[in-house]
Each structure stands twice: as C-alpha cells, then as structure tokens.
Amino acid sequence: MNEPFLLFGLTTTPLELISFVLSVATVALDIRQVHWAWLFAIVSSATYAVVFFHSRLYGDMGLQFVFIGTSLWGWYQWLRGGRAHQGLSVSTLTSSGRVWCVVAWLAGFLLLSVFLRTYTDTDVPYIDAFLTAGSLVGQVLLARKKIENWHVWIVVDALYVGLYVYKHLTLTAILYALFILLAWMGLRTWQRALQTSIADNARMDHAA
C-alpha cells in the first residue's frame, strides 16, 4: 500500500507524496491568513507522523501529534483569539517575548535531546531535538499570528533540508526547500498586512 516508487527520478512513497501536497496547501493558506489552513495542517501532520516513524525520526513523529493539538488551538485563535473574541490580526512580539522564545527553544532542545538519546534508537538525536523544539516555537507563534513565526520557520526549514537529505527523504527535503521560499513570501505578506493594520488604526485614532 505504501511501497516506494520513482517520481521524476526521485524515490518516494504514496504517503510522503500526499503529505507533501497537503503541507504545501497548508503554508499557502497560512500566507493568505485563511483559517482552513489548520484543517490541512491536522491531516498533513497525521500522515507525516507515519512517514517519520518509518524513518526513525521520532522527535519529528512526536512533533506531528503536538502539531495536531496546536492546530486545533491555532484554529480557534485565528477565529476567536482576539479582542472581544474576534479573529486575530498580525502582530509582533515584544522584546521580552523574543527572549522567552529563545529560552523555550533552548529548553526544549535540552529536554528532547536527552529523551531521544536515552529512550529511542534515532541516529540524529541532537538535530532532531533542536528542530523539533524550534518547530514548536514556530507553531505557537503562527497560532498567535506573530510575524516572527516566519523567521523561525526560515531557520528551521533550511536545517530540515539537510536532515531529510541525510535520511533519504528526498521529496520531503524538496518540500522544505520550497517552505523556505514560502516562509519568505509569508514574511513579506504579513509585513504588508501589519503595516496596513497600523495605518488603519492610526487613521481611526486620528478620526476619534
């Protein structure tokens, strides 16, 4: 049912291909701030959990289940997480918020690396832990529509390309290379949205 096959000269599996398509759709909808992105995120996370299990990327596998939970939370945040239970608008982190993100990333890395090294047979415990922790930070920032989520994803996605090449998940490596471009597009799009929101608020304050 999930036997490897060649696609344009690349070895992949039906499940990896399905996950690829769903993931691209997810990020494309994220860029446009369409809340249905979270539904695609839930499904793609479920399928990628199976892909990563077979590749012994247990940190990434576990991350997919966390993604499913945070996707449900993010879906609610985008629809009802703003003032008066309205939808969220794009915003930026405070200085202290940025510090806490770095601390959370490093703490997650330390805890996950110990767990993966001790309790699993993964051959890449440190990079798996580092990228898993970073992905969690990026997912939370995305759920709260913080523009810094795109900075995190650019760093994480670039490192994931190398990891997936090493693990012979060539199609997924290509996907994450595409994610770098999409994250850059997302950053530019959300920056414009933020500037528009700031300008609109300024006009409303002036009119008041």
N, C-alpha and C. Protein backbone atom coordinates (compact mmCIF):
# COMPACT_ATOMS: atom_id res chain seq x y z
N MET A 1 0.82 -1.22 0.00
CA MET A 1 0.00 0.00 0.00
C MET A 1 0.85 1.27 0.00
N ASN A 2 2.03 1.19 0.62
CA ASN A 2 2.88 2.38 0.70
C ASN A 2 4.29 2.06 0.21
N GLU A 3 4.35 1.31 -0.87
CA GLU A 3 5.63 0.89 -1.43
C GLU A 3 6.33 2.06 -2.12
N PRO A 4 7.66 2.14 -2.02
CA PRO A 4 8.39 3.21 -2.69
C PRO A 4 8.22 3.14 -4.21
N PHE A 5 8.27 4.32 -4.84
CA PHE A 5 8.22 4.38 -6.30
C PHE A 5 9.00 5.60 -6.75
N LEU A 6 9.30 5.67 -8.03
CA LEU A 6 10.05 6.78 -8.58
C LEU A 6 9.10 7.85 -9.10
N LEU A 7 9.38 9.11 -8.74
CA LEU A 7 8.62 10.25 -9.23
C LEU A 7 9.61 11.28 -9.74
N PHE A 8 9.64 11.45 -11.06
CA PHE A 8 10.59 12.37 -11.68
C PHE A 8 12.02 12.05 -11.25
N GLY A 9 12.31 10.75 -11.15
CA GLY A 9 13.64 10.31 -10.78
C GLY A 9 13.92 10.27 -9.29
N LEU A 10 12.94 10.65 -8.47
CA LEU A 10 13.11 10.66 -7.01
C LEU A 10 12.34 9.51 -6.39
N THR A 11 12.94 8.86 -5.41
CA THR A 11 12.27 7.78 -4.70
C THR A 11 11.38 8.36 -3.60
N THR A 12 10.11 8.00 -3.61
CA THR A 12 9.18 8.46 -2.60
C THR A 12 8.15 7.37 -2.34
N THR A 13 7.16 7.68 -1.52
CA THR A 13 6.06 6.74 -1.25
C THR A 13 4.75 7.50 -1.42
N PRO A 14 3.65 6.79 -1.64
CA PRO A 14 2.36 7.48 -1.77
C PRO A 14 2.04 8.36 -0.57
N LEU A 15 2.37 7.90 0.64
CA LEU A 15 2.04 8.68 1.84
C LEU A 15 2.90 9.94 1.93
N GLU A 16 4.17 9.83 1.55
CA GLU A 16 5.03 11.02 1.56
C GLU A 16 4.54 12.03 0.53
N LEU A 17 4.09 11.55 -0.63
CA LEU A 17 3.60 12.44 -1.68
C LEU A 17 2.33 13.16 -1.22
N ILE A 18 1.41 12.42 -0.60
CA ILE A 18 0.18 13.03 -0.09
C ILE A 18 0.52 14.08 0.96
N SER A 19 1.45 13.74 1.85
CA SER A 19 1.86 14.68 2.89
C SER A 19 2.47 15.94 2.29
N PHE A 20 3.25 15.76 1.24
CA PHE A 20 3.87 16.88 0.53
C PHE A 20 2.82 17.85 0.03
N VAL A 21 1.82 17.33 -0.67
CA VAL A 21 0.79 18.19 -1.26
C VAL A 21 -0.01 18.92 -0.17
N LEU A 22 -0.38 18.19 0.87
CA LEU A 22 -1.15 18.79 1.96
C LEU A 22 -0.35 19.89 2.67
N SER A 23 0.95 19.66 2.84
CA SER A 23 1.79 20.64 3.53
C SER A 23 1.94 21.93 2.73
N VAL A 24 2.11 21.79 1.42
CA VAL A 24 2.20 22.99 0.57
C VAL A 24 0.89 23.78 0.64
N ALA A 25 -0.23 23.07 0.58
CA ALA A 25 -1.53 23.75 0.69
C ALA A 25 -1.67 24.47 2.03
N THR A 26 -1.18 23.83 3.10
CA THR A 26 -1.26 24.44 4.43
C THR A 26 -0.53 25.77 4.48
N VAL A 27 0.72 25.80 4.02
CA VAL A 27 1.51 27.02 4.09
C VAL A 27 0.95 28.10 3.16
N ALA A 28 0.47 27.69 1.99
CA ALA A 28 -0.13 28.66 1.06
C ALA A 28 -1.34 29.35 1.70
N LEU A 29 -2.14 28.59 2.44
CA LEU A 29 -3.30 29.17 3.12
C LEU A 29 -2.87 30.00 4.33
N ASP A 30 -1.80 29.57 5.02
CA ASP A 30 -1.26 30.37 6.13
C ASP A 30 -0.86 31.76 5.66
N ILE A 31 -0.18 31.82 4.52
CA ILE A 31 0.28 33.10 3.98
C ILE A 31 -0.89 34.04 3.75
N ARG A 32 -2.01 33.48 3.28
CA ARG A 32 -3.20 34.29 2.99
C ARG A 32 -4.10 34.47 4.21
N GLN A 33 -3.66 33.94 5.35
CA GLN A 33 -4.40 34.02 6.60
C GLN A 33 -5.80 33.41 6.50
N VAL A 34 -5.89 32.30 5.76
CA VAL A 34 -7.15 31.57 5.62
C VAL A 34 -7.21 30.51 6.72
N HIS A 35 -8.23 30.56 7.55
CA HIS A 35 -8.25 29.68 8.73
C HIS A 35 -8.35 28.20 8.39
N TRP A 36 -8.78 27.86 7.18
CA TRP A 36 -8.85 26.45 6.79
C TRP A 36 -7.47 25.82 6.69
N ALA A 37 -6.43 26.64 6.74
CA ALA A 37 -5.06 26.11 6.76
C ALA A 37 -4.89 25.11 7.89
N TRP A 38 -5.57 25.35 9.01
CA TRP A 38 -5.40 24.49 10.18
C TRP A 38 -5.96 23.10 9.94
N LEU A 39 -7.00 22.98 9.14
CA LEU A 39 -7.53 21.65 8.80
C LEU A 39 -6.52 20.87 7.98
N PHE A 40 -5.92 21.52 6.99
CA PHE A 40 -4.89 20.87 6.18
C PHE A 40 -3.69 20.51 7.05
N ALA A 41 -3.37 21.36 8.02
CA ALA A 41 -2.24 21.10 8.92
C ALA A 41 -2.49 19.84 9.75
N ILE A 42 -3.72 19.66 10.21
CA ILE A 42 -4.05 18.48 11.02
C ILE A 42 -3.88 17.20 10.21
N VAL A 43 -4.39 17.20 8.99
CA VAL A 43 -4.31 16.00 8.16
C VAL A 43 -2.88 15.71 7.74
N SER A 44 -2.15 16.74 7.33
CA SER A 44 -0.76 16.52 6.90
C SER A 44 0.12 16.08 8.06
N SER A 45 -0.16 16.57 9.26
CA SER A 45 0.60 16.13 10.44
C SER A 45 0.37 14.66 10.71
N ALA A 46 -0.86 14.21 10.56
CA ALA A 46 -1.18 12.80 10.80
C ALA A 46 -0.45 11.90 9.80
N THR A 47 -0.44 12.29 8.54
CA THR A 47 0.22 11.45 7.53
C THR A 47 1.74 11.49 7.68
N TYR A 48 2.28 12.67 8.01
CA TYR A 48 3.73 12.77 8.18
C TYR A 48 4.21 12.02 9.42
N ALA A 49 3.37 11.88 10.42
CA ALA A 49 3.76 11.11 11.61
C ALA A 49 4.12 9.68 11.21
N VAL A 50 3.37 9.13 10.29
CA VAL A 50 3.65 7.76 9.82
C VAL A 50 4.94 7.73 9.01
N VAL A 51 5.12 8.73 8.14
CA VAL A 51 6.34 8.81 7.33
C VAL A 51 7.58 8.88 8.22
N PHE A 52 7.55 9.73 9.24
CA PHE A 52 8.71 9.91 10.11
C PHE A 52 8.95 8.70 11.00
N PHE A 53 7.90 8.00 11.37
CA PHE A 53 8.07 6.79 12.17
C PHE A 53 8.90 5.77 11.41
N HIS A 54 8.61 5.60 10.14
CA HIS A 54 9.35 4.62 9.34
C HIS A 54 10.79 5.07 9.07
N SER A 55 11.07 6.38 9.24
CA SER A 55 12.43 6.88 9.04
C SER A 55 13.18 7.04 10.36
N ARG A 56 12.58 6.60 11.46
CA ARG A 56 13.18 6.69 12.80
C ARG A 56 13.47 8.13 13.22
N LEU A 57 12.66 9.06 12.75
CA LEU A 57 12.74 10.44 13.18
C LEU A 57 11.67 10.64 14.24
N TYR A 58 11.94 10.12 15.43
CA TYR A 58 10.90 10.05 16.45
C TYR A 58 10.54 11.42 17.03
N GLY A 59 11.51 12.32 17.07
CA GLY A 59 11.19 13.67 17.51
C GLY A 59 10.20 14.32 16.56
N ASP A 60 10.47 14.19 15.26
CA ASP A 60 9.56 14.74 14.27
C ASP A 60 8.22 14.03 14.29
N MET A 61 8.24 12.73 14.52
CA MET A 61 6.98 11.98 14.61
C MET A 61 6.13 12.49 15.77
N GLY A 62 6.74 12.60 16.94
CA GLY A 62 6.01 13.11 18.10
C GLY A 62 5.54 14.54 17.89
N LEU A 63 6.36 15.31 17.17
CA LEU A 63 6.01 16.70 16.89
C LEU A 63 4.70 16.79 16.11
N GLN A 64 4.47 15.83 15.23
CA GLN A 64 3.25 15.88 14.42
C GLN A 64 1.99 15.77 15.29
N PHE A 65 2.06 14.97 16.35
CA PHE A 65 0.91 14.85 17.25
C PHE A 65 0.72 16.14 18.04
N VAL A 66 1.83 16.78 18.40
CA VAL A 66 1.73 18.08 19.06
C VAL A 66 1.14 19.10 18.10
N PHE A 67 1.56 19.02 16.83
CA PHE A 67 1.04 19.92 15.80
C PHE A 67 -0.48 19.79 15.67
N ILE A 68 -0.98 18.56 15.78
CA ILE A 68 -2.42 18.37 15.67
C ILE A 68 -3.14 19.12 16.79
N GLY A 69 -2.60 19.00 18.02
CA GLY A 69 -3.19 19.71 19.15
C GLY A 69 -3.08 21.23 19.00
N THR A 70 -1.89 21.71 18.61
CA THR A 70 -1.71 23.16 18.47
C THR A 70 -2.48 23.69 17.26
N SER A 71 -2.73 22.85 16.27
CA SER A 71 -3.52 23.28 15.12
C SER A 71 -4.98 23.53 15.52
N LEU A 72 -5.50 22.67 16.38
CA LEU A 72 -6.86 22.90 16.89
C LEU A 72 -6.91 24.21 17.68
N TRP A 73 -5.89 24.42 18.52
CA TRP A 73 -5.80 25.66 19.29
C TRP A 73 -5.62 26.86 18.38
N GLY A 74 -4.73 26.73 17.37
CA GLY A 74 -4.49 27.82 16.43
C GLY A 74 -5.71 28.17 15.63
N TRP A 75 -6.49 27.17 15.25
CA TRP A 75 -7.73 27.39 14.50
C TRP A 75 -8.67 28.28 15.33
N TYR A 76 -8.78 27.94 16.60
CA TYR A 76 -9.63 28.74 17.49
C TYR A 76 -9.07 30.15 17.65
N GLN A 77 -7.74 30.26 17.80
CA GLN A 77 -7.11 31.57 17.98
C GLN A 77 -7.37 32.47 16.79
N TRP A 78 -7.24 31.94 15.59
CA TRP A 78 -7.43 32.75 14.39
C TRP A 78 -8.87 33.23 14.26
N LEU A 79 -9.80 32.44 14.76
CA LEU A 79 -11.23 32.80 14.65
C LEU A 79 -11.75 33.58 15.84
N ARG A 80 -11.24 33.29 17.06
CA ARG A 80 -11.84 33.87 18.26
C ARG A 80 -10.79 34.35 19.28
N GLY A 81 -9.51 34.41 18.91
CA GLY A 81 -8.47 34.70 19.88
C GLY A 81 -8.15 36.16 20.09
N GLY A 82 -8.84 37.05 19.37
CA GLY A 82 -8.57 38.48 19.52
C GLY A 82 -9.45 39.13 20.57
N ARG A 83 -9.45 40.45 20.56
CA ARG A 83 -10.27 41.19 21.50
C ARG A 83 -11.75 40.91 21.25
N ALA A 84 -12.50 40.80 22.33
CA ALA A 84 -13.94 40.53 22.26
C ALA A 84 -14.22 39.25 21.46
N HIS A 85 -13.32 38.30 21.55
CA HIS A 85 -13.46 37.00 20.88
C HIS A 85 -13.57 37.13 19.36
N GLN A 86 -12.92 38.15 18.82
CA GLN A 86 -12.86 38.29 17.37
C GLN A 86 -11.58 37.64 16.86
N GLY A 87 -11.44 37.59 15.53
CA GLY A 87 -10.26 36.98 14.95
C GLY A 87 -9.00 37.77 15.24
N LEU A 88 -7.86 37.09 15.22
CA LEU A 88 -6.58 37.75 15.47
C LEU A 88 -6.12 38.54 14.25
N SER A 89 -5.36 39.58 14.51
CA SER A 89 -4.66 40.31 13.46
C SER A 89 -3.16 40.04 13.60
N VAL A 90 -2.42 40.26 12.54
CA VAL A 90 -0.97 40.08 12.57
C VAL A 90 -0.36 41.08 13.56
N SER A 91 0.57 40.62 14.38
CA SER A 91 1.23 41.48 15.36
C SER A 91 2.67 41.02 15.53
N THR A 92 3.44 41.74 16.32
CA THR A 92 4.84 41.40 16.58
C THR A 92 5.05 41.09 18.06
N LEU A 93 6.11 40.38 18.34
CA LEU A 93 6.47 40.07 19.72
C LEU A 93 7.11 41.29 20.38
N THR A 94 6.96 41.36 21.69
CA THR A 94 7.71 42.34 22.47
C THR A 94 9.15 41.83 22.63
N SER A 95 10.02 42.68 23.14
CA SER A 95 11.41 42.27 23.38
C SER A 95 11.46 41.09 24.34
N SER A 96 10.67 41.16 25.41
CA SER A 96 10.66 40.05 26.37
C SER A 96 10.08 38.79 25.74
N GLY A 97 9.12 38.95 24.82
CA GLY A 97 8.55 37.80 24.13
C GLY A 97 9.59 37.08 23.29
N ARG A 98 10.47 37.84 22.65
CA ARG A 98 11.54 37.24 21.85
C ARG A 98 12.52 36.47 22.73
N VAL A 99 12.82 37.05 23.90
CA VAL A 99 13.72 36.36 24.82
C VAL A 99 13.12 35.04 25.28
N TRP A 100 11.85 35.06 25.62
CA TRP A 100 11.19 33.85 26.07
C TRP A 100 11.14 32.78 24.98
N CYS A 101 11.02 33.20 23.73
CA CYS A 101 11.03 32.23 22.63
C CYS A 101 12.39 31.53 22.53
N VAL A 102 13.46 32.30 22.67
CA VAL A 102 14.81 31.71 22.63
C VAL A 102 15.00 30.75 23.80
N VAL A 103 14.56 31.17 24.99
CA VAL A 103 14.69 30.32 26.17
C VAL A 103 13.89 29.03 25.99
N ALA A 104 12.66 29.15 25.48
CA ALA A 104 11.82 27.97 25.27
C ALA A 104 12.45 27.02 24.25
N TRP A 105 13.04 27.59 23.19
CA TRP A 105 13.69 26.76 22.16
C TRP A 105 14.85 25.99 22.76
N LEU A 106 15.71 26.66 23.51
CA LEU A 106 16.87 26.00 24.10
C LEU A 106 16.45 24.96 25.14
N ALA A 107 15.46 25.29 25.97
CA ALA A 107 14.99 24.34 26.98
C ALA A 107 14.39 23.10 26.32
N GLY A 108 13.61 23.33 25.28
CA GLY A 108 13.03 22.20 24.55
C GLY A 108 14.09 21.33 23.92
N PHE A 109 15.13 21.97 23.37
CA PHE A 109 16.24 21.22 22.78
C PHE A 109 16.92 20.33 23.80
N LEU A 110 17.22 20.88 24.97
CA LEU A 110 17.91 20.11 26.00
C LEU A 110 17.07 18.91 26.46
N LEU A 111 15.81 19.15 26.73
CA LEU A 111 14.94 18.07 27.22
C LEU A 111 14.73 16.99 26.15
N LEU A 112 14.47 17.43 24.92
CA LEU A 112 14.20 16.45 23.86
C LEU A 112 15.44 15.66 23.48
N SER A 113 16.60 16.30 23.49
CA SER A 113 17.83 15.59 23.11
C SER A 113 18.15 14.49 24.13
N VAL A 114 17.93 14.77 25.41
CA VAL A 114 18.14 13.76 26.44
C VAL A 114 17.17 12.60 26.24
N PHE A 115 15.91 12.93 25.99
CA PHE A 115 14.89 11.89 25.80
C PHE A 115 15.20 11.02 24.58
N LEU A 116 15.51 11.67 23.45
CA LEU A 116 15.75 10.91 22.22
C LEU A 116 17.01 10.05 22.32
N ARG A 117 18.04 10.60 22.97
CA ARG A 117 19.29 9.86 23.10
C ARG A 117 19.14 8.66 24.04
N THR A 118 18.28 8.80 25.04
CA THR A 118 18.14 7.78 26.07
C THR A 118 17.12 6.71 25.73
N TYR A 119 16.02 7.12 25.13
CA TYR A 119 14.88 6.20 25.00
C TYR A 119 14.53 5.78 23.57
N THR A 120 15.27 6.25 22.57
CA THR A 120 14.97 5.85 21.20
C THR A 120 16.25 5.38 20.51
N ASP A 121 16.08 4.81 19.32
CA ASP A 121 17.24 4.35 18.56
C ASP A 121 17.58 5.30 17.42
N THR A 122 17.15 6.55 17.52
CA THR A 122 17.47 7.53 16.48
C THR A 122 18.97 7.74 16.39
N ASP A 123 19.44 7.98 15.18
CA ASP A 123 20.86 8.26 14.99
C ASP A 123 21.14 9.76 14.88
N VAL A 124 20.11 10.58 15.03
CA VAL A 124 20.30 12.03 14.94
C VAL A 124 19.56 12.73 16.09
N PRO A 125 19.88 12.39 17.34
CA PRO A 125 19.10 12.93 18.46
C PRO A 125 19.20 14.44 18.62
N TYR A 126 20.37 15.01 18.35
CA TYR A 126 20.56 16.43 18.65
C TYR A 126 19.89 17.33 17.62
N ILE A 127 20.11 17.06 16.34
CA ILE A 127 19.47 17.91 15.32
C ILE A 127 17.97 17.68 15.32
N ASP A 128 17.54 16.44 15.57
CA ASP A 128 16.11 16.16 15.64
C ASP A 128 15.48 16.94 16.79
N ALA A 129 16.15 16.96 17.93
CA ALA A 129 15.64 17.69 19.10
C ALA A 129 15.63 19.20 18.85
N PHE A 130 16.70 19.72 18.27
CA PHE A 130 16.80 21.16 18.03
C PHE A 130 15.70 21.63 17.09
N LEU A 131 15.47 20.89 16.02
CA LEU A 131 14.47 21.30 15.04
C LEU A 131 13.06 21.05 15.54
N THR A 132 12.88 20.01 16.35
CA THR A 132 11.56 19.77 16.93
C THR A 132 11.18 20.90 17.88
N ALA A 133 12.11 21.31 18.72
CA ALA A 133 11.86 22.41 19.65
C ALA A 133 11.59 23.71 18.90
N GLY A 134 12.37 23.97 17.87
CA GLY A 134 12.16 25.18 17.08
C GLY A 134 10.82 25.18 16.37
N SER A 135 10.42 24.02 15.89
CA SER A 135 9.13 23.91 15.21
C SER A 135 7.98 24.18 16.16
N LEU A 136 8.12 23.74 17.40
CA LEU A 136 7.08 24.01 18.40
C LEU A 136 6.96 25.51 18.65
N VAL A 137 8.09 26.19 18.77
CA VAL A 137 8.07 27.64 18.95
C VAL A 137 7.41 28.32 17.75
N GLY A 138 7.79 27.90 16.55
CA GLY A 138 7.21 28.48 15.34
C GLY A 138 5.72 28.25 15.25
N GLN A 139 5.27 27.07 15.66
CA GLN A 139 3.85 26.74 15.60
C GLN A 139 3.03 27.60 16.55
N VAL A 140 3.54 27.81 17.75
CA VAL A 140 2.83 28.65 18.72
C VAL A 140 2.76 30.10 18.22
N LEU A 141 3.86 30.60 17.67
CA LEU A 141 3.87 31.97 17.14
C LEU A 141 2.91 32.11 15.96
N LEU A 142 2.85 31.08 15.12
CA LEU A 142 1.91 31.10 14.00
C LEU A 142 0.48 31.13 14.50
N ALA A 143 0.18 30.32 15.52
CA ALA A 143 -1.17 30.26 16.07
C ALA A 143 -1.61 31.61 16.61
N ARG A 144 -0.65 32.38 17.14
CA ARG A 144 -0.98 33.70 17.68
C ARG A 144 -0.77 34.82 16.65
N LYS A 145 -0.51 34.45 15.40
CA LYS A 145 -0.30 35.39 14.30
C LYS A 145 0.82 36.39 14.59
N LYS A 146 1.89 35.91 15.20
CA LYS A 146 3.07 36.73 15.42
C LYS A 146 3.95 36.63 14.18
N ILE A 147 4.35 37.77 13.66
CA ILE A 147 5.10 37.80 12.40
C ILE A 147 6.43 37.07 12.50
N GLU A 148 6.97 36.99 13.72
CA GLU A 148 8.25 36.32 13.93
C GLU A 148 8.20 34.82 13.64
N ASN A 149 6.99 34.26 13.52
CA ASN A 149 6.91 32.83 13.21
C ASN A 149 7.63 32.52 11.91
N TRP A 150 7.59 33.46 10.96
CA TRP A 150 8.23 33.21 9.66
C TRP A 150 9.75 33.21 9.77
N HIS A 151 10.31 34.02 10.66
CA HIS A 151 11.76 33.98 10.88
C HIS A 151 12.18 32.61 11.42
N VAL A 152 11.39 32.11 12.37
CA VAL A 152 11.69 30.80 12.94
C VAL A 152 11.62 29.72 11.86
N TRP A 153 10.57 29.76 11.04
CA TRP A 153 10.41 28.72 10.02
C TRP A 153 11.51 28.77 8.97
N ILE A 154 11.98 29.95 8.63
CA ILE A 154 13.06 30.03 7.64
C ILE A 154 14.30 29.30 8.15
N VAL A 155 14.66 29.53 9.42
CA VAL A 155 15.82 28.86 10.02
C VAL A 155 15.59 27.36 10.11
N VAL A 156 14.45 26.97 10.65
CA VAL A 156 14.14 25.55 10.85
C VAL A 156 14.08 24.81 9.51
N ASP A 157 13.40 25.40 8.54
CA ASP A 157 13.24 24.72 7.25
C ASP A 157 14.57 24.52 6.54
N ALA A 158 15.46 25.51 6.64
CA ALA A 158 16.78 25.38 6.00
C ALA A 158 17.56 24.21 6.58
N LEU A 159 17.51 24.05 7.89
CA LEU A 159 18.22 22.94 8.53
C LEU A 159 17.54 21.60 8.26
N TYR A 160 16.21 21.62 8.15
CA TYR A 160 15.50 20.38 7.85
C TYR A 160 15.86 19.83 6.47
N VAL A 161 16.17 20.69 5.53
CA VAL A 161 16.54 20.22 4.20
C VAL A 161 17.72 19.26 4.30
N GLY A 162 18.75 19.66 5.04
CA GLY A 162 19.91 18.80 5.21
C GLY A 162 19.59 17.51 5.93
N LEU A 163 18.74 17.59 6.95
CA LEU A 163 18.38 16.39 7.71
C LEU A 163 17.64 15.38 6.84
N TYR A 164 16.71 15.86 6.04
CA TYR A 164 15.91 14.94 5.23
C TYR A 164 16.71 14.36 4.05
N VAL A 165 17.66 15.13 3.55
CA VAL A 165 18.57 14.57 2.54
C VAL A 165 19.36 13.43 3.16
N TYR A 166 19.85 13.64 4.38
CA TYR A 166 20.60 12.61 5.09
C TYR A 166 19.75 11.37 5.32
N LYS A 167 18.46 11.56 5.57
CA LYS A 167 17.55 10.45 5.84
C LYS A 167 16.93 9.86 4.56
N HIS A 168 17.38 10.34 3.41
CA HIS A 168 16.90 9.85 2.12
C HIS A 168 15.41 10.11 1.91
N LEU A 169 14.89 11.14 2.56
CA LEU A 169 13.52 11.60 2.31
C LEU A 169 13.61 12.76 1.32
N THR A 170 13.96 12.40 0.08
CA THR A 170 14.30 13.42 -0.91
C THR A 170 13.13 14.35 -1.21
N LEU A 171 11.94 13.79 -1.38
CA LEU A 171 10.78 14.62 -1.68
C LEU A 171 10.49 15.58 -0.53
N THR A 172 10.62 15.10 0.69
CA THR A 172 10.39 15.96 1.84
C THR A 172 11.47 17.03 1.94
N ALA A 173 12.71 16.70 1.56
CA ALA A 173 13.78 17.71 1.53
C ALA A 173 13.43 18.81 0.53
N ILE A 174 12.91 18.41 -0.62
CA ILE A 174 12.49 19.40 -1.62
C ILE A 174 11.35 20.25 -1.07
N LEU A 175 10.42 19.60 -0.37
CA LEU A 175 9.30 20.31 0.25
C LEU A 175 9.82 21.40 1.19
N TYR A 176 10.80 21.08 2.02
CA TYR A 176 11.29 22.06 2.98
C TYR A 176 12.12 23.14 2.31
N ALA A 177 12.74 22.83 1.20
CA ALA A 177 13.40 23.89 0.42
C ALA A 177 12.34 24.85 -0.12
N LEU A 178 11.21 24.29 -0.57
CA LEU A 178 10.09 25.12 -1.02
C LEU A 178 9.52 25.92 0.14
N PHE A 179 9.49 25.31 1.33
CA PHE A 179 8.99 26.01 2.52
C PHE A 179 9.81 27.26 2.82
N ILE A 180 11.12 27.23 2.56
CA ILE A 180 11.95 28.41 2.80
C ILE A 180 11.44 29.57 1.96
N LEU A 181 11.18 29.30 0.68
CA LEU A 181 10.64 30.33 -0.21
C LEU A 181 9.27 30.79 0.25
N LEU A 182 8.41 29.84 0.63
CA LEU A 182 7.07 30.19 1.09
C LEU A 182 7.12 30.99 2.39
N ALA A 183 8.04 30.65 3.28
CA ALA A 183 8.17 31.39 4.53
C ALA A 183 8.61 32.83 4.26
N TRP A 184 9.51 33.01 3.32
CA TRP A 184 9.93 34.36 2.94
C TRP A 184 8.75 35.13 2.36
N MET A 185 7.95 34.47 1.52
CA MET A 185 6.75 35.11 0.97
C MET A 185 5.76 35.44 2.08
N GLY A 186 5.62 34.52 3.03
CA GLY A 186 4.72 34.76 4.15
C GLY A 186 5.16 35.95 4.98
N LEU A 187 6.47 36.06 5.21
CA LEU A 187 7.02 37.18 5.97
C LEU A 187 6.71 38.51 5.28
N ARG A 188 6.94 38.57 3.98
CA ARG A 188 6.68 39.80 3.23
C ARG A 188 5.19 40.14 3.23
N THR A 189 4.35 39.12 3.04
CA THR A 189 2.90 39.35 3.00
C THR A 189 2.37 39.82 4.34
N TRP A 190 2.83 39.18 5.42
CA TRP A 190 2.36 39.56 6.75
C TRP A 190 2.92 40.93 7.16
N GLN A 191 4.12 41.29 6.69
CA GLN A 191 4.66 42.62 6.97
C GLN A 191 3.76 43.69 6.35
N ARG A 192 3.30 43.44 5.13
CA ARG A 192 2.39 44.40 4.48
C ARG A 192 1.07 44.48 5.23
N ALA A 193 0.56 43.32 5.68
CA ALA A 193 -0.69 43.30 6.44
C ALA A 193 -0.54 44.07 7.74
N LEU A 194 0.61 43.92 8.40
CA LEU A 194 0.85 44.62 9.65
C LEU A 194 0.92 46.13 9.43
N GLN A 195 1.61 46.55 8.38
CA GLN A 195 1.71 47.97 8.07
C GLN A 195 0.35 48.56 7.77
N THR A 196 -0.48 47.81 7.04
CA THR A 196 -1.83 48.27 6.73
C THR A 196 -2.67 48.41 7.99
N SER A 197 -2.53 47.43 8.90
CA SER A 197 -3.27 47.46 10.15
C SER A 197 -2.85 48.65 11.01
N ILE A 198 -1.55 48.92 11.07
CA ILE A 198 -1.06 50.05 11.84
C ILE A 198 -1.58 51.37 11.27
N ALA A 199 -1.56 51.47 9.94
CA ALA A 199 -2.05 52.69 9.29
C ALA A 199 -3.54 52.88 9.53
N ASP A 200 -4.31 51.80 9.46
CA ASP A 200 -5.76 51.89 9.70
C ASP A 200 -6.05 52.31 11.13
N ASN A 201 -5.31 51.75 12.08
CA ASN A 201 -5.51 52.12 13.48
C ASN A 201 -5.16 53.59 13.73
N ALA A 202 -4.11 54.04 13.05
CA ALA A 202 -3.70 55.45 13.20
C ALA A 202 -4.79 56.37 12.67
N ARG A 203 -5.38 56.02 11.54
CA ARG A 203 -6.46 56.85 10.97
C ARG A 203 -7.67 56.87 11.88
N MET A 204 -7.99 55.69 12.48
CA MET A 204 -9.13 55.63 13.40
C MET A 204 -8.89 56.47 14.64
N ASP A 205 -7.64 56.42 15.18
CA ASP A 205 -7.32 57.23 16.36
C ASP A 205 -7.38 58.72 16.03
N HIS A 206 -6.93 59.07 14.83
CA HIS A 206 -6.95 60.47 14.42
C HIS A 206 -8.38 60.97 14.27
N ALA A 207 -9.23 60.10 13.67
CA ALA A 207 -10.63 60.48 13.46
C ALA A 207 -11.37 60.62 14.79
N ALA A 208 -10.96 59.79 15.78
CA ALA A 208 -11.61 59.85 17.09
C ALA A 208 -11.20 61.12 17.84
